[in-house]
Amino acid sequence: MQAIKVLRAVRQKEQDNDEVKYSDYDIVSAINEIIRYLNISLVHKDSEFLRRSKDYDERELNAAIDAENEANKETEGYESKAHEDFARKGVELPEGFLSLVSVQRGGDYYDLHPATSLARLQDGNYVLFGGRLYVKHPGFRLNYLGGVTEIADVSKDSIDLPDVFFDTVVKMARLVLNNGDADTLTQAVSAAVDSLIPRRRLSHVRSRMPFLM
């Protein structure tokens, strides 16, 4: 959903189309506060709306480093870049990372298993440590829950949520603007998320049949 449309909807609902009551900064701050509440609520519910994936390939990265080093070897003051090493140096977690879902081996996407420490990192293992991910394999896919990014430029940015959240974001932003307290906001956002998140993961569960003894 476009951030500017959310802002305009908030103004319209607040009857502030002349921009007298609230500045753009006030409304954007309120929307960003709601985004933070939504992130917390959605991650606690393991919502698929926050599911992200990112692929890493040590061989591709090192080939690019070799090409860059070769192209700049005659450049005065240029310092050659060292190769990446996923097991020894790790990789930085993606921006917005909130929670790990799984790490899969590249190619066949076999699930890798967590090791107890860096010292025990073996083939087929990974360790999440100090904001970096260490993997004993040259290629892998990181599946994770990533937070919705806050608005920086209201005229250009989008909010990475389905349009079904539009009315919720508008309503909750108005609650912030009208000095809603933290407990009220937490309960309101949680209730809104409960009404919106899909329950497909539980749709196959069979209910127990009642029996008379």
N, C-alpha and C. Protein backbone atom coordinates (compact mmCIF):
# COMPACT_ATOMS: atom_id res chain seq x y z
N MET A 1 0.86 -1.20 0.00
CA MET A 1 0.00 0.00 0.00
C MET A 1 0.89 1.24 0.00
N GLN A 2 0.47 2.28 -0.72
CA GLN A 2 1.25 3.50 -0.81
C GLN A 2 1.10 4.33 0.46
N ALA A 3 2.23 4.77 0.99
CA ALA A 3 2.21 5.54 2.24
C ALA A 3 1.41 6.82 2.10
N ILE A 4 1.51 7.48 0.95
CA ILE A 4 0.81 8.75 0.76
C ILE A 4 -0.71 8.56 0.81
N LYS A 5 -1.19 7.40 0.34
CA LYS A 5 -2.63 7.13 0.40
C LYS A 5 -3.09 6.93 1.84
N VAL A 6 -2.24 6.30 2.64
CA VAL A 6 -2.58 6.12 4.06
C VAL A 6 -2.64 7.48 4.74
N LEU A 7 -1.64 8.33 4.48
CA LEU A 7 -1.61 9.66 5.08
C LEU A 7 -2.86 10.46 4.70
N ARG A 8 -3.23 10.42 3.43
CA ARG A 8 -4.41 11.17 2.99
C ARG A 8 -5.68 10.63 3.62
N ALA A 9 -5.76 9.30 3.79
CA ALA A 9 -6.93 8.70 4.41
C ALA A 9 -7.05 9.12 5.87
N VAL A 10 -5.90 9.19 6.56
CA VAL A 10 -5.90 9.65 7.96
C VAL A 10 -6.39 11.10 8.03
N ARG A 11 -5.90 11.94 7.13
CA ARG A 11 -6.35 13.34 7.12
C ARG A 11 -7.85 13.44 6.88
N GLN A 12 -8.33 12.66 5.92
CA GLN A 12 -9.75 12.70 5.58
C GLN A 12 -10.61 12.27 6.76
N LYS A 13 -10.19 11.19 7.43
CA LYS A 13 -10.95 10.70 8.58
C LYS A 13 -10.92 11.69 9.75
N GLU A 14 -9.79 12.40 9.86
CA GLU A 14 -9.64 13.38 10.95
C GLU A 14 -10.19 14.75 10.56
N GLN A 15 -10.75 14.84 9.34
CA GLN A 15 -11.28 16.11 8.83
C GLN A 15 -10.22 17.22 8.90
N ASP A 16 -9.03 16.86 8.41
CA ASP A 16 -7.89 17.78 8.46
C ASP A 16 -7.27 17.93 7.07
N ASN A 17 -8.11 18.02 6.06
CA ASN A 17 -7.60 18.15 4.70
C ASN A 17 -6.85 19.46 4.46
N ASP A 18 -7.12 20.47 5.30
CA ASP A 18 -6.41 21.74 5.17
C ASP A 18 -5.07 21.74 5.91
N GLU A 19 -4.72 20.61 6.52
CA GLU A 19 -3.43 20.44 7.21
C GLU A 19 -3.25 21.46 8.33
N VAL A 20 -4.31 21.66 9.07
CA VAL A 20 -4.25 22.61 10.19
C VAL A 20 -4.00 21.88 11.51
N LYS A 21 -4.63 20.73 11.65
CA LYS A 21 -4.58 19.99 12.92
C LYS A 21 -3.27 19.22 13.08
N TYR A 22 -2.82 18.56 11.99
CA TYR A 22 -1.62 17.72 12.06
C TYR A 22 -0.69 18.04 10.89
N SER A 23 0.59 17.98 11.16
CA SER A 23 1.58 18.09 10.09
C SER A 23 1.79 16.71 9.47
N ASP A 24 2.43 16.67 8.30
CA ASP A 24 2.79 15.38 7.71
C ASP A 24 3.67 14.58 8.66
N TYR A 25 4.58 15.28 9.35
CA TYR A 25 5.48 14.62 10.29
C TYR A 25 4.68 13.92 11.40
N ASP A 26 3.66 14.57 11.91
CA ASP A 26 2.83 13.97 12.98
C ASP A 26 2.20 12.67 12.49
N ILE A 27 1.64 12.70 11.29
CA ILE A 27 0.93 11.53 10.78
C ILE A 27 1.91 10.42 10.43
N VAL A 28 3.03 10.76 9.81
CA VAL A 28 4.04 9.74 9.47
C VAL A 28 4.57 9.10 10.75
N SER A 29 4.81 9.88 11.79
CA SER A 29 5.28 9.34 13.06
C SER A 29 4.26 8.36 13.65
N ALA A 30 2.98 8.71 13.54
CA ALA A 30 1.91 7.84 14.04
C ALA A 30 1.86 6.54 13.24
N ILE A 31 1.98 6.63 11.91
CA ILE A 31 1.97 5.44 11.07
C ILE A 31 3.17 4.55 11.39
N ASN A 32 4.35 5.14 11.56
CA ASN A 32 5.54 4.35 11.89
C ASN A 32 5.41 3.67 13.24
N GLU A 33 4.76 4.34 14.19
CA GLU A 33 4.53 3.71 15.49
C GLU A 33 3.64 2.48 15.33
N ILE A 34 2.61 2.58 14.49
CA ILE A 34 1.73 1.45 14.25
C ILE A 34 2.48 0.33 13.53
N ILE A 35 3.36 0.68 12.61
CA ILE A 35 4.16 -0.35 11.93
C ILE A 35 4.99 -1.13 12.95
N ARG A 36 5.55 -0.44 13.94
CA ARG A 36 6.33 -1.14 14.97
C ARG A 36 5.44 -2.07 15.79
N TYR A 37 4.24 -1.62 16.13
CA TYR A 37 3.30 -2.48 16.87
C TYR A 37 2.90 -3.69 16.01
N LEU A 38 2.65 -3.45 14.72
CA LEU A 38 2.28 -4.54 13.83
C LEU A 38 3.40 -5.56 13.70
N ASN A 39 4.63 -5.10 13.60
CA ASN A 39 5.76 -6.02 13.51
C ASN A 39 5.83 -6.94 14.73
N ILE A 40 5.66 -6.36 15.90
CA ILE A 40 5.71 -7.16 17.13
C ILE A 40 4.59 -8.19 17.14
N SER A 41 3.38 -7.75 16.81
CA SER A 41 2.23 -8.65 16.84
C SER A 41 2.35 -9.76 15.79
N LEU A 42 2.76 -9.40 14.58
CA LEU A 42 2.86 -10.38 13.50
C LEU A 42 3.97 -11.39 13.74
N VAL A 43 5.09 -10.95 14.30
CA VAL A 43 6.19 -11.89 14.54
C VAL A 43 5.83 -12.85 15.66
N HIS A 44 5.08 -12.39 16.65
CA HIS A 44 4.65 -13.28 17.74
C HIS A 44 3.69 -14.36 17.22
N LYS A 45 2.97 -14.05 16.15
CA LYS A 45 2.02 -15.00 15.58
C LYS A 45 2.63 -15.76 14.40
N ASP A 46 3.95 -15.59 14.17
CA ASP A 46 4.64 -16.28 13.09
C ASP A 46 3.90 -16.08 11.76
N SER A 47 3.49 -14.84 11.51
CA SER A 47 2.65 -14.56 10.34
C SER A 47 3.41 -14.68 9.04
N GLU A 48 2.76 -15.26 8.03
CA GLU A 48 3.39 -15.38 6.72
C GLU A 48 3.56 -14.03 6.03
N PHE A 49 2.89 -12.99 6.53
CA PHE A 49 3.06 -11.66 5.95
C PHE A 49 4.48 -11.13 6.14
N LEU A 50 5.20 -11.67 7.13
CA LEU A 50 6.56 -11.22 7.39
C LEU A 50 7.61 -12.20 6.85
N ARG A 51 7.19 -13.25 6.18
CA ARG A 51 8.15 -14.25 5.71
C ARG A 51 8.98 -13.71 4.55
N ARG A 52 10.29 -13.89 4.66
CA ARG A 52 11.22 -13.44 3.64
C ARG A 52 12.23 -14.55 3.38
N SER A 53 12.88 -14.49 2.21
CA SER A 53 13.96 -15.43 1.87
C SER A 53 15.09 -14.65 1.21
N LYS A 54 16.32 -15.09 1.46
CA LYS A 54 17.48 -14.50 0.81
C LYS A 54 18.50 -15.60 0.53
N ASP A 55 19.00 -15.63 -0.71
CA ASP A 55 19.97 -16.64 -1.12
C ASP A 55 21.38 -16.08 -1.03
N TYR A 56 22.31 -16.93 -0.58
CA TYR A 56 23.73 -16.57 -0.47
C TYR A 56 24.55 -17.63 -1.21
N ASP A 57 25.53 -17.18 -1.98
CA ASP A 57 26.41 -18.11 -2.70
C ASP A 57 27.84 -17.60 -2.56
N GLU A 58 28.62 -18.31 -1.79
CA GLU A 58 30.00 -17.91 -1.53
C GLU A 58 30.83 -17.87 -2.81
N ARG A 59 30.57 -18.82 -3.72
CA ARG A 59 31.35 -18.89 -4.95
C ARG A 59 31.06 -17.69 -5.85
N GLU A 60 29.81 -17.29 -5.96
CA GLU A 60 29.47 -16.12 -6.78
C GLU A 60 30.07 -14.85 -6.19
N LEU A 61 30.00 -14.71 -4.88
CA LEU A 61 30.56 -13.52 -4.23
C LEU A 61 32.07 -13.44 -4.44
N ASN A 62 32.75 -14.58 -4.30
CA ASN A 62 34.20 -14.58 -4.45
C ASN A 62 34.62 -14.36 -5.90
N ALA A 63 33.83 -14.84 -6.85
CA ALA A 63 34.11 -14.58 -8.27
C ALA A 63 34.01 -13.08 -8.56
N ALA A 64 33.00 -12.42 -7.96
CA ALA A 64 32.84 -10.98 -8.13
C ALA A 64 34.00 -10.23 -7.48
N ILE A 65 34.44 -10.70 -6.31
CA ILE A 65 35.58 -10.07 -5.63
C ILE A 65 36.85 -10.21 -6.47
N ASP A 66 37.08 -11.40 -7.04
CA ASP A 66 38.24 -11.61 -7.90
C ASP A 66 38.23 -10.67 -9.10
N ALA A 67 37.05 -10.51 -9.72
CA ALA A 67 36.92 -9.63 -10.88
C ALA A 67 37.20 -8.18 -10.49
N GLU A 68 36.70 -7.75 -9.34
CA GLU A 68 36.93 -6.38 -8.88
C GLU A 68 38.40 -6.16 -8.56
N ASN A 69 39.02 -7.14 -7.89
CA ASN A 69 40.44 -7.01 -7.57
C ASN A 69 41.29 -6.95 -8.85
N GLU A 70 40.95 -7.77 -9.83
CA GLU A 70 41.69 -7.78 -11.09
C GLU A 70 41.54 -6.45 -11.83
N ALA A 71 40.32 -5.92 -11.84
CA ALA A 71 40.06 -4.67 -12.56
C ALA A 71 40.75 -3.47 -11.92
N ASN A 72 41.05 -3.56 -10.63
CA ASN A 72 41.63 -2.42 -9.91
C ASN A 72 43.06 -2.65 -9.45
N LYS A 73 43.68 -3.71 -9.94
CA LYS A 73 45.01 -4.05 -9.44
C LYS A 73 46.06 -2.99 -9.75
N GLU A 74 45.85 -2.20 -10.80
CA GLU A 74 46.80 -1.15 -11.15
C GLU A 74 46.42 0.20 -10.55
N THR A 75 45.28 0.24 -9.84
CA THR A 75 44.81 1.50 -9.26
C THR A 75 45.61 1.83 -8.00
N GLU A 76 46.17 3.01 -7.98
CA GLU A 76 46.98 3.41 -6.84
C GLU A 76 46.13 3.53 -5.58
N GLY A 77 46.60 2.92 -4.53
CA GLY A 77 45.91 2.97 -3.24
C GLY A 77 44.81 1.94 -3.06
N TYR A 78 44.54 1.17 -4.11
CA TYR A 78 43.47 0.16 -3.99
C TYR A 78 43.96 -1.02 -3.17
N GLU A 79 43.16 -1.45 -2.23
CA GLU A 79 43.47 -2.61 -1.40
C GLU A 79 42.59 -3.77 -1.82
N SER A 80 43.23 -4.87 -2.17
CA SER A 80 42.48 -6.05 -2.62
C SER A 80 41.54 -6.54 -1.52
N LYS A 81 40.35 -6.92 -1.94
CA LYS A 81 39.36 -7.45 -1.00
C LYS A 81 39.59 -8.93 -0.75
N ALA A 82 39.38 -9.34 0.48
CA ALA A 82 39.53 -10.75 0.85
C ALA A 82 38.29 -11.53 0.46
N HIS A 83 38.46 -12.84 0.27
CA HIS A 83 37.34 -13.71 -0.07
C HIS A 83 36.38 -13.84 1.11
N GLU A 84 35.13 -14.09 0.75
CA GLU A 84 34.13 -14.41 1.75
C GLU A 84 34.33 -15.85 2.22
N ASP A 85 33.99 -16.09 3.48
CA ASP A 85 34.07 -17.43 4.05
C ASP A 85 32.90 -17.58 5.02
N PHE A 86 31.82 -18.20 4.56
CA PHE A 86 30.60 -18.28 5.36
C PHE A 86 30.81 -18.98 6.70
N ALA A 87 31.70 -19.98 6.74
CA ALA A 87 31.91 -20.72 7.98
C ALA A 87 32.78 -19.95 8.96
N ARG A 88 33.76 -19.20 8.45
CA ARG A 88 34.72 -18.53 9.33
C ARG A 88 34.34 -17.08 9.60
N LYS A 89 33.86 -16.35 8.58
CA LYS A 89 33.55 -14.93 8.72
C LYS A 89 32.05 -14.67 8.88
N GLY A 90 31.22 -15.62 8.43
CA GLY A 90 29.78 -15.44 8.52
C GLY A 90 29.26 -14.40 7.55
N VAL A 91 27.95 -14.17 7.58
CA VAL A 91 27.32 -13.14 6.75
C VAL A 91 26.44 -12.28 7.65
N GLU A 92 26.31 -11.02 7.28
CA GLU A 92 25.47 -10.10 8.03
C GLU A 92 24.00 -10.43 7.79
N LEU A 93 23.20 -10.35 8.83
CA LEU A 93 21.78 -10.63 8.70
C LEU A 93 21.11 -9.54 7.87
N PRO A 94 20.05 -9.88 7.13
CA PRO A 94 19.37 -8.88 6.29
C PRO A 94 18.78 -7.75 7.12
N GLU A 95 18.64 -6.59 6.50
CA GLU A 95 18.00 -5.46 7.17
C GLU A 95 16.55 -5.83 7.51
N GLY A 96 16.14 -5.52 8.72
CA GLY A 96 14.79 -5.83 9.15
C GLY A 96 14.62 -7.22 9.71
N PHE A 97 15.70 -7.99 9.83
CA PHE A 97 15.61 -9.36 10.37
C PHE A 97 15.03 -9.33 11.78
N LEU A 98 14.01 -10.18 12.00
CA LEU A 98 13.39 -10.27 13.31
C LEU A 98 13.56 -11.65 13.94
N SER A 99 13.37 -12.69 13.13
CA SER A 99 13.40 -14.04 13.69
C SER A 99 13.77 -15.04 12.60
N LEU A 100 14.55 -16.04 12.99
CA LEU A 100 14.97 -17.08 12.06
C LEU A 100 13.86 -18.12 11.87
N VAL A 101 13.61 -18.48 10.62
CA VAL A 101 12.66 -19.57 10.33
C VAL A 101 13.43 -20.84 10.02
N SER A 102 14.34 -20.80 9.03
CA SER A 102 15.15 -21.97 8.71
C SER A 102 16.31 -21.55 7.83
N VAL A 103 17.32 -22.44 7.75
CA VAL A 103 18.44 -22.27 6.83
C VAL A 103 18.49 -23.53 5.98
N GLN A 104 18.47 -23.35 4.65
CA GLN A 104 18.43 -24.49 3.73
C GLN A 104 19.65 -24.50 2.84
N ARG A 105 20.14 -25.69 2.56
CA ARG A 105 21.28 -25.86 1.67
C ARG A 105 20.90 -25.48 0.26
N GLY A 106 21.79 -24.75 -0.42
CA GLY A 106 21.53 -24.37 -1.81
C GLY A 106 21.47 -25.59 -2.71
N GLY A 107 20.63 -25.51 -3.73
CA GLY A 107 20.51 -26.62 -4.68
C GLY A 107 19.32 -27.50 -4.38
N ASP A 108 19.41 -28.29 -3.31
CA ASP A 108 18.32 -29.21 -2.98
C ASP A 108 17.45 -28.70 -1.84
N TYR A 109 17.84 -27.59 -1.22
CA TYR A 109 17.08 -26.93 -0.14
C TYR A 109 16.80 -27.88 1.03
N TYR A 110 17.79 -28.69 1.32
CA TYR A 110 17.74 -29.54 2.52
C TYR A 110 17.94 -28.65 3.75
N ASP A 111 17.12 -28.87 4.77
CA ASP A 111 17.20 -28.05 5.98
C ASP A 111 18.50 -28.34 6.74
N LEU A 112 19.27 -27.28 6.97
CA LEU A 112 20.47 -27.40 7.79
C LEU A 112 20.08 -27.31 9.26
N HIS A 113 20.99 -27.77 10.12
CA HIS A 113 20.68 -27.86 11.54
C HIS A 113 21.58 -26.94 12.36
N PRO A 114 21.04 -26.35 13.43
CA PRO A 114 21.86 -25.45 14.24
C PRO A 114 22.92 -26.20 15.04
N ALA A 115 24.11 -25.63 15.11
CA ALA A 115 25.16 -26.15 15.97
C ALA A 115 25.09 -25.41 17.31
N THR A 116 25.71 -25.97 18.31
CA THR A 116 25.64 -25.37 19.65
C THR A 116 26.61 -24.22 19.82
N SER A 117 27.67 -24.17 18.99
CA SER A 117 28.65 -23.09 19.08
C SER A 117 29.47 -23.05 17.80
N LEU A 118 30.20 -21.96 17.60
CA LEU A 118 31.06 -21.85 16.43
C LEU A 118 32.12 -22.95 16.41
N ALA A 119 32.58 -23.34 17.59
CA ALA A 119 33.61 -24.38 17.68
C ALA A 119 33.10 -25.73 17.21
N ARG A 120 31.79 -25.91 17.23
CA ARG A 120 31.19 -27.18 16.84
C ARG A 120 30.54 -27.13 15.46
N LEU A 121 30.83 -26.08 14.68
CA LEU A 121 30.24 -25.93 13.36
C LEU A 121 30.81 -26.99 12.42
N GLN A 122 29.94 -27.83 11.88
CA GLN A 122 30.32 -28.90 10.98
C GLN A 122 29.52 -28.78 9.68
N ASP A 123 29.83 -29.64 8.71
CA ASP A 123 29.07 -29.67 7.47
C ASP A 123 27.58 -29.86 7.77
N GLY A 124 26.76 -29.07 7.14
CA GLY A 124 25.31 -29.18 7.34
C GLY A 124 24.81 -28.44 8.55
N ASN A 125 25.69 -27.62 9.18
CA ASN A 125 25.29 -26.87 10.38
C ASN A 125 25.35 -25.36 10.13
N TYR A 126 24.70 -24.63 11.03
CA TYR A 126 24.80 -23.18 11.04
C TYR A 126 24.76 -22.68 12.47
N VAL A 127 25.26 -21.48 12.69
CA VAL A 127 25.21 -20.84 14.00
C VAL A 127 24.83 -19.38 13.81
N LEU A 128 23.88 -18.90 14.59
CA LEU A 128 23.50 -17.49 14.61
C LEU A 128 24.17 -16.88 15.83
N PHE A 129 25.10 -15.95 15.58
CA PHE A 129 25.90 -15.44 16.70
C PHE A 129 26.31 -14.00 16.43
N GLY A 130 26.05 -13.12 17.39
CA GLY A 130 26.49 -11.75 17.30
C GLY A 130 25.98 -11.00 16.08
N GLY A 131 24.76 -11.28 15.68
CA GLY A 131 24.18 -10.58 14.53
C GLY A 131 24.70 -11.07 13.19
N ARG A 132 25.40 -12.20 13.17
CA ARG A 132 25.89 -12.78 11.93
C ARG A 132 25.52 -14.27 11.88
N LEU A 133 25.40 -14.77 10.65
CA LEU A 133 25.04 -16.18 10.44
C LEU A 133 26.24 -16.91 9.86
N TYR A 134 26.67 -17.96 10.53
CA TYR A 134 27.81 -18.77 10.09
C TYR A 134 27.28 -20.11 9.59
N VAL A 135 27.66 -20.46 8.37
CA VAL A 135 27.11 -21.66 7.73
C VAL A 135 28.25 -22.48 7.13
N LYS A 136 28.25 -23.78 7.41
CA LYS A 136 29.27 -24.68 6.88
C LYS A 136 28.79 -25.22 5.54
N HIS A 137 28.61 -24.31 4.57
CA HIS A 137 28.22 -24.71 3.22
C HIS A 137 28.37 -23.48 2.32
N PRO A 138 28.85 -23.66 1.09
CA PRO A 138 29.11 -22.50 0.23
C PRO A 138 27.88 -21.82 -0.33
N GLY A 139 26.73 -22.45 -0.26
CA GLY A 139 25.51 -21.84 -0.76
C GLY A 139 24.33 -22.21 0.11
N PHE A 140 23.51 -21.23 0.46
CA PHE A 140 22.36 -21.54 1.32
C PHE A 140 21.27 -20.48 1.12
N ARG A 141 20.08 -20.84 1.57
CA ARG A 141 18.95 -19.91 1.57
C ARG A 141 18.53 -19.65 3.02
N LEU A 142 18.43 -18.38 3.36
CA LEU A 142 17.97 -17.98 4.69
C LEU A 142 16.50 -17.64 4.61
N ASN A 143 15.68 -18.35 5.37
CA ASN A 143 14.25 -18.05 5.50
C ASN A 143 14.04 -17.41 6.87
N TYR A 144 13.40 -16.25 6.88
CA TYR A 144 13.30 -15.51 8.14
C TYR A 144 12.04 -14.65 8.16
N LEU A 145 11.75 -14.14 9.35
CA LEU A 145 10.69 -13.15 9.50
C LEU A 145 11.34 -11.78 9.50
N GLY A 146 10.94 -10.93 8.56
CA GLY A 146 11.52 -9.61 8.43
C GLY A 146 10.48 -8.54 8.66
N GLY A 147 10.82 -7.54 9.44
CA GLY A 147 9.87 -6.50 9.79
C GLY A 147 9.50 -5.60 8.62
N VAL A 148 8.30 -5.07 8.67
CA VAL A 148 7.86 -4.08 7.69
C VAL A 148 8.66 -2.80 7.92
N THR A 149 9.24 -2.25 6.86
CA THR A 149 10.08 -1.06 6.97
C THR A 149 9.24 0.19 7.23
N GLU A 150 9.73 1.02 8.12
CA GLU A 150 9.03 2.26 8.43
C GLU A 150 9.14 3.25 7.27
N ILE A 151 8.26 4.23 7.27
CA ILE A 151 8.23 5.24 6.21
C ILE A 151 9.35 6.25 6.42
N ALA A 152 10.10 6.52 5.35
CA ALA A 152 11.12 7.57 5.38
C ALA A 152 10.69 8.75 4.52
N ASP A 153 10.18 8.46 3.32
CA ASP A 153 9.70 9.49 2.40
C ASP A 153 8.24 9.17 2.06
N VAL A 154 7.32 9.90 2.64
CA VAL A 154 5.91 9.57 2.51
C VAL A 154 5.42 9.69 1.07
N SER A 155 6.06 10.50 0.27
CA SER A 155 5.61 10.69 -1.11
C SER A 155 6.05 9.54 -2.02
N LYS A 156 7.06 8.78 -1.61
CA LYS A 156 7.61 7.73 -2.47
C LYS A 156 7.48 6.32 -1.88
N ASP A 157 7.48 6.19 -0.58
CA ASP A 157 7.55 4.88 0.06
C ASP A 157 6.21 4.13 0.01
N SER A 158 6.34 2.81 0.10
CA SER A 158 5.18 1.94 0.24
C SER A 158 5.31 1.17 1.54
N ILE A 159 4.20 0.75 2.09
CA ILE A 159 4.19 -0.09 3.30
C ILE A 159 4.00 -1.52 2.83
N ASP A 160 4.96 -2.37 3.15
CA ASP A 160 5.00 -3.73 2.62
C ASP A 160 4.02 -4.65 3.35
N LEU A 161 2.75 -4.33 3.19
CA LEU A 161 1.66 -5.14 3.74
C LEU A 161 0.55 -5.19 2.70
N PRO A 162 -0.25 -6.26 2.69
CA PRO A 162 -1.38 -6.32 1.75
C PRO A 162 -2.38 -5.20 2.01
N ASP A 163 -3.14 -4.86 0.98
CA ASP A 163 -4.13 -3.78 1.10
C ASP A 163 -5.19 -4.06 2.15
N VAL A 164 -5.34 -5.33 2.54
CA VAL A 164 -6.33 -5.67 3.55
C VAL A 164 -5.99 -5.00 4.89
N PHE A 165 -4.72 -4.58 5.07
CA PHE A 165 -4.31 -3.90 6.30
C PHE A 165 -4.55 -2.38 6.24
N PHE A 166 -4.99 -1.88 5.09
CA PHE A 166 -5.09 -0.43 4.90
C PHE A 166 -5.96 0.23 5.98
N ASP A 167 -7.18 -0.24 6.13
CA ASP A 167 -8.10 0.37 7.10
C ASP A 167 -7.57 0.25 8.53
N THR A 168 -6.91 -0.88 8.82
CA THR A 168 -6.35 -1.08 10.15
C THR A 168 -5.26 -0.05 10.45
N VAL A 169 -4.35 0.16 9.49
CA VAL A 169 -3.27 1.13 9.69
C VAL A 169 -3.84 2.54 9.88
N VAL A 170 -4.83 2.89 9.06
CA VAL A 170 -5.46 4.21 9.18
C VAL A 170 -6.12 4.37 10.54
N LYS A 171 -6.88 3.38 10.94
CA LYS A 171 -7.60 3.45 12.22
C LYS A 171 -6.63 3.55 13.39
N MET A 172 -5.58 2.71 13.37
CA MET A 172 -4.63 2.71 14.48
C MET A 172 -3.81 4.00 14.52
N ALA A 173 -3.47 4.54 13.35
CA ALA A 173 -2.72 5.80 13.31
C ALA A 173 -3.54 6.93 13.92
N ARG A 174 -4.84 6.93 13.65
CA ARG A 174 -5.72 7.94 14.26
C ARG A 174 -5.77 7.77 15.77
N LEU A 175 -5.70 6.53 16.23
CA LEU A 175 -5.70 6.28 17.67
C LEU A 175 -4.43 6.86 18.31
N VAL A 176 -3.30 6.73 17.63
CA VAL A 176 -2.05 7.32 18.12
C VAL A 176 -2.17 8.84 18.16
N LEU A 177 -2.69 9.42 17.08
CA LEU A 177 -2.81 10.89 17.01
C LEU A 177 -3.72 11.44 18.10
N ASN A 178 -4.67 10.63 18.51
CA ASN A 178 -5.60 11.06 19.56
C ASN A 178 -5.19 10.54 20.94
N ASN A 179 -3.85 10.33 21.06
CA ASN A 179 -3.23 10.02 22.36
C ASN A 179 -3.69 8.70 22.97
N GLY A 180 -3.81 7.68 22.12
CA GLY A 180 -4.09 6.36 22.66
C GLY A 180 -2.91 5.84 23.45
N ASP A 181 -3.17 5.25 24.63
CA ASP A 181 -2.06 4.76 25.45
C ASP A 181 -1.52 3.44 24.91
N ALA A 182 -0.36 3.03 25.42
CA ALA A 182 0.34 1.85 24.90
C ALA A 182 -0.49 0.58 25.05
N ASP A 183 -1.15 0.41 26.19
CA ASP A 183 -1.95 -0.80 26.42
C ASP A 183 -3.12 -0.88 25.44
N THR A 184 -3.77 0.25 25.23
CA THR A 184 -4.89 0.29 24.28
C THR A 184 -4.43 -0.04 22.87
N LEU A 185 -3.28 0.53 22.48
CA LEU A 185 -2.74 0.29 21.15
C LEU A 185 -2.35 -1.18 20.97
N THR A 186 -1.70 -1.73 21.98
CA THR A 186 -1.28 -3.14 21.90
C THR A 186 -2.48 -4.06 21.73
N GLN A 187 -3.51 -3.84 22.52
CA GLN A 187 -4.71 -4.67 22.43
C GLN A 187 -5.42 -4.48 21.10
N ALA A 188 -5.50 -3.23 20.64
CA ALA A 188 -6.20 -2.94 19.39
C ALA A 188 -5.48 -3.57 18.19
N VAL A 189 -4.16 -3.43 18.16
CA VAL A 189 -3.38 -4.01 17.06
C VAL A 189 -3.46 -5.52 17.09
N SER A 190 -3.34 -6.12 18.27
CA SER A 190 -3.41 -7.57 18.39
C SER A 190 -4.76 -8.10 17.91
N ALA A 191 -5.84 -7.42 18.30
CA ALA A 191 -7.17 -7.84 17.86
C ALA A 191 -7.32 -7.70 16.35
N ALA A 192 -6.77 -6.61 15.80
CA ALA A 192 -6.87 -6.41 14.35
C ALA A 192 -6.09 -7.48 13.60
N VAL A 193 -4.90 -7.82 14.08
CA VAL A 193 -4.09 -8.85 13.44
C VAL A 193 -4.78 -10.20 13.52
N ASP A 194 -5.38 -10.51 14.67
CA ASP A 194 -6.10 -11.78 14.81
C ASP A 194 -7.22 -11.91 13.78
N SER A 195 -7.83 -10.80 13.43
CA SER A 195 -8.95 -10.85 12.48
C SER A 195 -8.49 -10.90 11.03
N LEU A 196 -7.19 -10.63 10.80
CA LEU A 196 -6.70 -10.53 9.42
C LEU A 196 -5.77 -11.66 9.00
N ILE A 197 -4.98 -12.20 9.95
CA ILE A 197 -4.00 -13.20 9.54
C ILE A 197 -4.71 -14.48 9.12
N PRO A 198 -4.20 -15.13 8.07
CA PRO A 198 -4.82 -16.37 7.61
C PRO A 198 -4.57 -17.49 8.60
N ARG A 199 -5.50 -18.40 8.64
CA ARG A 199 -5.36 -19.55 9.53
C ARG A 199 -5.24 -20.84 8.72
N ARG A 200 -4.66 -20.75 7.53
CA ARG A 200 -4.56 -21.92 6.65
C ARG A 200 -3.69 -23.02 7.23
N ARG A 201 -2.70 -22.61 8.07
CA ARG A 201 -1.81 -23.63 8.63
C ARG A 201 -2.57 -24.58 9.54
N LEU A 202 -3.70 -24.15 10.08
CA LEU A 202 -4.46 -24.99 10.99
C LEU A 202 -5.71 -25.58 10.34
N SER A 203 -5.92 -25.31 9.06
CA SER A 203 -7.16 -25.71 8.41
C SER A 203 -7.27 -27.22 8.23
N HIS A 204 -6.12 -27.93 8.30
CA HIS A 204 -6.15 -29.38 8.09
C HIS A 204 -6.38 -30.14 9.40
N VAL A 205 -6.38 -29.42 10.53
CA VAL A 205 -6.50 -30.08 11.82
C VAL A 205 -7.93 -30.56 12.02
N ARG A 206 -8.07 -31.80 12.41
CA ARG A 206 -9.41 -32.36 12.64
C ARG A 206 -9.84 -32.17 14.08
N SER A 207 -11.06 -31.78 14.26
CA SER A 207 -11.58 -31.62 15.61
C SER A 207 -11.85 -32.98 16.23
N ARG A 208 -11.65 -33.06 17.54
CA ARG A 208 -11.95 -34.30 18.25
C ARG A 208 -13.47 -34.52 18.28
N MET A 209 -13.86 -35.74 18.05
CA MET A 209 -15.28 -36.07 18.10
C MET A 209 -15.70 -36.35 19.54
N PRO A 210 -16.87 -35.86 19.93
CA PRO A 210 -17.32 -36.13 21.30
C PRO A 210 -17.79 -37.59 21.44
N PHE A 211 -17.46 -38.18 22.56
CA PHE A 211 -17.89 -39.55 22.83
C PHE A 211 -18.52 -39.60 24.21
N LEU A 212 -19.56 -40.42 24.31
CA LEU A 212 -20.21 -40.64 25.60
C LEU A 212 -19.67 -41.91 26.21
N MET A 213 -19.33 -41.84 27.47
CA MET A 213 -18.79 -43.02 28.17
C MET A 213 -19.93 -43.71 28.93
